[in-house]
Amino acid sequence: MNEKVTTPEQLAIEFLMQDLEISPEDQEWFSVLGVRAVGQTWHVVEIGVEGLPDQWVVQVYDTGECDPNYTFRTPVQATEADTGLEELPEAIAQILSAERLQQ
């Protein structure tokens, strides 16, 4: 029996990378910032870009499914959507800027 053990953190980051269409070479910019169990049936996983205050919050159920209605949180005002993005790959900067503008 050789079952693949996948943690909520792995499931959430794989889901978010696919949903945001992040290239494999840009995925290293993202990391899991926190994870907590909510009851016995799901986890909340916080994912961010190192050094920035922005977070995506993904719910991962014990079935291995991720809720497609994840949340993006940022303290950055929409008027400053491009703040702090200068050093990032263009694709990631565009995603963060777009997410910030929707807040």
C-alpha atoms as a PDB file:
ATOM      1  CA  MET A   1       0.000   0.000   0.000  1.00  0.00           C
ATOM      2  CA  ASN A   2       1.672   3.192  -1.204  1.00  0.00           C
ATOM      3  CA  GLU A   3      -0.750   6.050  -0.558  1.00  0.00           C
ATOM      4  CA  LYS A   4       0.412   9.588  -1.107  1.00  0.00           C
ATOM      5  CA  VAL A   5       0.088  11.573   2.104  1.00  0.00           C
ATOM      6  CA  THR A   6      -0.914  15.133   1.303  1.00  0.00           C
ATOM      7  CA  THR A   7      -1.223  17.790   3.980  1.00  0.00           C
ATOM      8  CA  PRO A   8      -3.759  20.628   3.931  1.00  0.00           C
ATOM      9  CA  GLU A   9      -0.840  23.002   3.321  1.00  0.00           C
ATOM     10  CA  GLN A  10       0.245  21.102   0.200  1.00  0.00           C
ATOM     11  CA  LEU A  11      -3.302  20.863  -1.108  1.00  0.00           C
ATOM     12  CA  ALA A  12      -3.955  24.581  -0.583  1.00  0.00           C
ATOM     13  CA  ILE A  13      -0.760  25.805  -2.216  1.00  0.00           C
ATOM     14  CA  GLU A  14      -1.170  23.453  -5.195  1.00  0.00           C
ATOM     15  CA  PHE A  15      -4.782  24.599  -5.605  1.00  0.00           C
ATOM     16  CA  LEU A  16      -3.920  28.306  -5.406  1.00  0.00           C
ATOM     17  CA  MET A  17      -0.962  28.014  -7.804  1.00  0.00           C
ATOM     18  CA  GLN A  18      -3.199  26.295 -10.344  1.00  0.00           C
ATOM     19  CA  ASP A  19      -6.095  28.723  -9.847  1.00  0.00           C
ATOM     20  CA  LEU A  20      -3.858  31.796 -10.204  1.00  0.00           C
ATOM     21  CA  GLU A  21      -1.965  30.137 -13.088  1.00  0.00           C
ATOM     22  CA  ILE A  22       1.433  30.648 -11.433  1.00  0.00           C
ATOM     23  CA  SER A  23       4.299  29.214 -13.463  1.00  0.00           C
ATOM     24  CA  PRO A  24       6.461  26.566 -11.769  1.00  0.00           C
ATOM     25  CA  GLU A  25       9.459  28.929 -11.668  1.00  0.00           C
ATOM     26  CA  ASP A  26       7.418  31.623  -9.869  1.00  0.00           C
ATOM     27  CA  GLN A  27       5.851  29.286  -7.303  1.00  0.00           C
ATOM     28  CA  GLU A  28       8.875  29.561  -5.001  1.00  0.00           C
ATOM     29  CA  TRP A  29       7.779  33.120  -4.144  1.00  0.00           C
ATOM     30  CA  PHE A  30       4.727  31.751  -2.300  1.00  0.00           C
ATOM     31  CA  SER A  31       4.700  30.089   1.098  1.00  0.00           C
ATOM     32  CA  VAL A  32       2.272  28.849   3.708  1.00  0.00           C
ATOM     33  CA  LEU A  33       2.077  31.427   6.494  1.00  0.00           C
ATOM     34  CA  GLY A  34      -0.246  29.532   8.785  1.00  0.00           C
ATOM     35  CA  VAL A  35      -2.681  26.662   9.080  1.00  0.00           C
ATOM     36  CA  ARG A  36      -5.323  25.871  11.648  1.00  0.00           C
ATOM     37  CA  ALA A  37      -7.884  23.141  12.026  1.00  0.00           C
ATOM     38  CA  VAL A  38     -11.520  24.197  12.221  1.00  0.00           C
ATOM     39  CA  GLY A  39     -13.394  21.394  13.863  1.00  0.00           C
ATOM     40  CA  GLN A  40     -12.617  17.951  12.534  1.00  0.00           C
ATOM     41  CA  THR A  41     -13.577  18.399   8.904  1.00  0.00           C
ATOM     42  CA  TRP A  42     -11.532  21.267   7.474  1.00  0.00           C
ATOM     43  CA  HIS A  43      -8.476  23.506   7.764  1.00  0.00           C
ATOM     44  CA  VAL A  44      -7.844  27.158   7.029  1.00  0.00           C
ATOM     45  CA  VAL A  45      -4.539  27.713   5.227  1.00  0.00           C
ATOM     46  CA  GLU A  46      -2.997  31.176   4.832  1.00  0.00           C
ATOM     47  CA  ILE A  47      -0.671  31.652   1.863  1.00  0.00           C
ATOM     48  CA  GLY A  48       1.423  34.700   1.064  1.00  0.00           C
ATOM     49  CA  VAL A  49       4.382  36.126  -0.776  1.00  0.00           C
ATOM     50  CA  GLU A  50       7.411  36.453   1.502  1.00  0.00           C
ATOM     51  CA  GLY A  51       7.886  39.982   2.812  1.00  0.00           C
ATOM     52  CA  LEU A  52       4.438  41.264   1.816  1.00  0.00           C
ATOM     53  CA  PRO A  53       1.345  41.624   4.030  1.00  0.00           C
ATOM     54  CA  ASP A  54      -1.049  40.109   1.473  1.00  0.00           C
ATOM     55  CA  GLN A  55      -2.675  36.726   2.155  1.00  0.00           C
ATOM     56  CA  TRP A  56      -4.888  34.256   0.393  1.00  0.00           C
ATOM     57  CA  VAL A  57      -6.996  32.212   2.793  1.00  0.00           C
ATOM     58  CA  VAL A  58      -7.999  28.790   1.470  1.00  0.00           C
ATOM     59  CA  GLN A  59     -10.332  26.302   3.144  1.00  0.00           C
ATOM     60  CA  VAL A  60      -9.243  22.680   2.734  1.00  0.00           C
ATOM     61  CA  TYR A  61     -11.746  19.969   3.600  1.00  0.00           C
ATOM     62  CA  ASP A  62     -10.841  16.556   5.000  1.00  0.00           C
ATOM     63  CA  THR A  63     -11.889  15.104   1.622  1.00  0.00           C
ATOM     64  CA  GLY A  64      -8.847  16.823   0.078  1.00  0.00           C
ATOM     65  CA  GLU A  65     -10.992  19.370  -1.763  1.00  0.00           C
ATOM     66  CA  CYS A  66     -10.277  23.099  -1.601  1.00  0.00           C
ATOM     67  CA  ASP A  67     -13.093  25.625  -1.511  1.00  0.00           C
ATOM     68  CA  PRO A  68     -12.836  27.615  -4.777  1.00  0.00           C
ATOM     69  CA  ASN A  69     -14.212  30.689  -2.984  1.00  0.00           C
ATOM     70  CA  TYR A  70     -10.996  31.563  -1.173  1.00  0.00           C
ATOM     71  CA  THR A  71     -10.410  34.990   0.376  1.00  0.00           C
ATOM     72  CA  PHE A  72      -7.717  37.568  -0.371  1.00  0.00           C
ATOM     73  CA  ARG A  73      -6.749  39.896   2.484  1.00  0.00           C
ATOM     74  CA  THR A  74      -4.461  42.902   2.409  1.00  0.00           C
ATOM     75  CA  PRO A  75      -3.937  46.055   4.454  1.00  0.00           C
ATOM     76  CA  VAL A  76      -2.778  47.828   1.275  1.00  0.00           C
ATOM     77  CA  GLN A  77      -5.196  50.449  -0.035  1.00  0.00           C
ATOM     78  CA  ALA A  78      -6.415  50.078  -3.630  1.00  0.00           C
ATOM     79  CA  THR A  79      -4.847  53.464  -4.407  1.00  0.00           C
ATOM     80  CA  GLU A  80      -1.457  51.935  -3.568  1.00  0.00           C
ATOM     81  CA  ALA A  81      -2.012  48.619  -5.376  1.00  0.00           C
ATOM     82  CA  ASP A  82       1.507  48.493  -6.824  1.00  0.00           C
ATOM     83  CA  THR A  83       3.308  49.248  -3.530  1.00  0.00           C
ATOM     84  CA  GLY A  84       6.137  46.830  -2.747  1.00  0.00           C
ATOM     85  CA  LEU A  85       5.871  44.850  -5.976  1.00  0.00           C
ATOM     86  CA  GLU A  86       8.950  46.171  -7.784  1.00  0.00           C
ATOM     87  CA  GLU A  87      11.207  43.195  -6.982  1.00  0.00           C
ATOM     88  CA  LEU A  88       8.681  40.494  -7.892  1.00  0.00           C
ATOM     89  CA  PRO A  89       8.329  38.649 -11.188  1.00  0.00           C
ATOM     90  CA  GLU A  90       5.910  40.550 -13.427  1.00  0.00           C
ATOM     91  CA  ALA A  91       3.213  37.851 -13.353  1.00  0.00           C
ATOM     92  CA  ILE A  92       3.085  37.830  -9.536  1.00  0.00           C
ATOM     93  CA  ALA A  93       3.117  41.633  -9.351  1.00  0.00           C
ATOM     94  CA  GLN A  94       0.171  41.765 -11.758  1.00  0.00           C
ATOM     95  CA  ILE A  95      -1.809  39.215  -9.731  1.00  0.00           C
ATOM     96  CA  LEU A  96      -1.196  41.053  -6.460  1.00  0.00           C
ATOM     97  CA  SER A  97      -2.022  44.424  -7.978  1.00  0.00           C
ATOM     98  CA  ALA A  98      -5.278  43.078  -9.442  1.00  0.00           C
ATOM     99  CA  GLU A  99      -6.257  41.426  -6.139  1.00  0.00           C
ATOM    100  CA  ARG A 100      -5.523  44.638  -4.220  1.00  0.00           C
ATOM    101  CA  LEU A 101      -7.627  46.698  -6.624  1.00  0.00           C
ATOM    102  CA  GLN A 102     -10.615  44.423  -5.967  1.00  0.00           C
ATOM    103  CA  GLN A 103     -10.508  45.077  -2.220  1.00  0.00           C
END
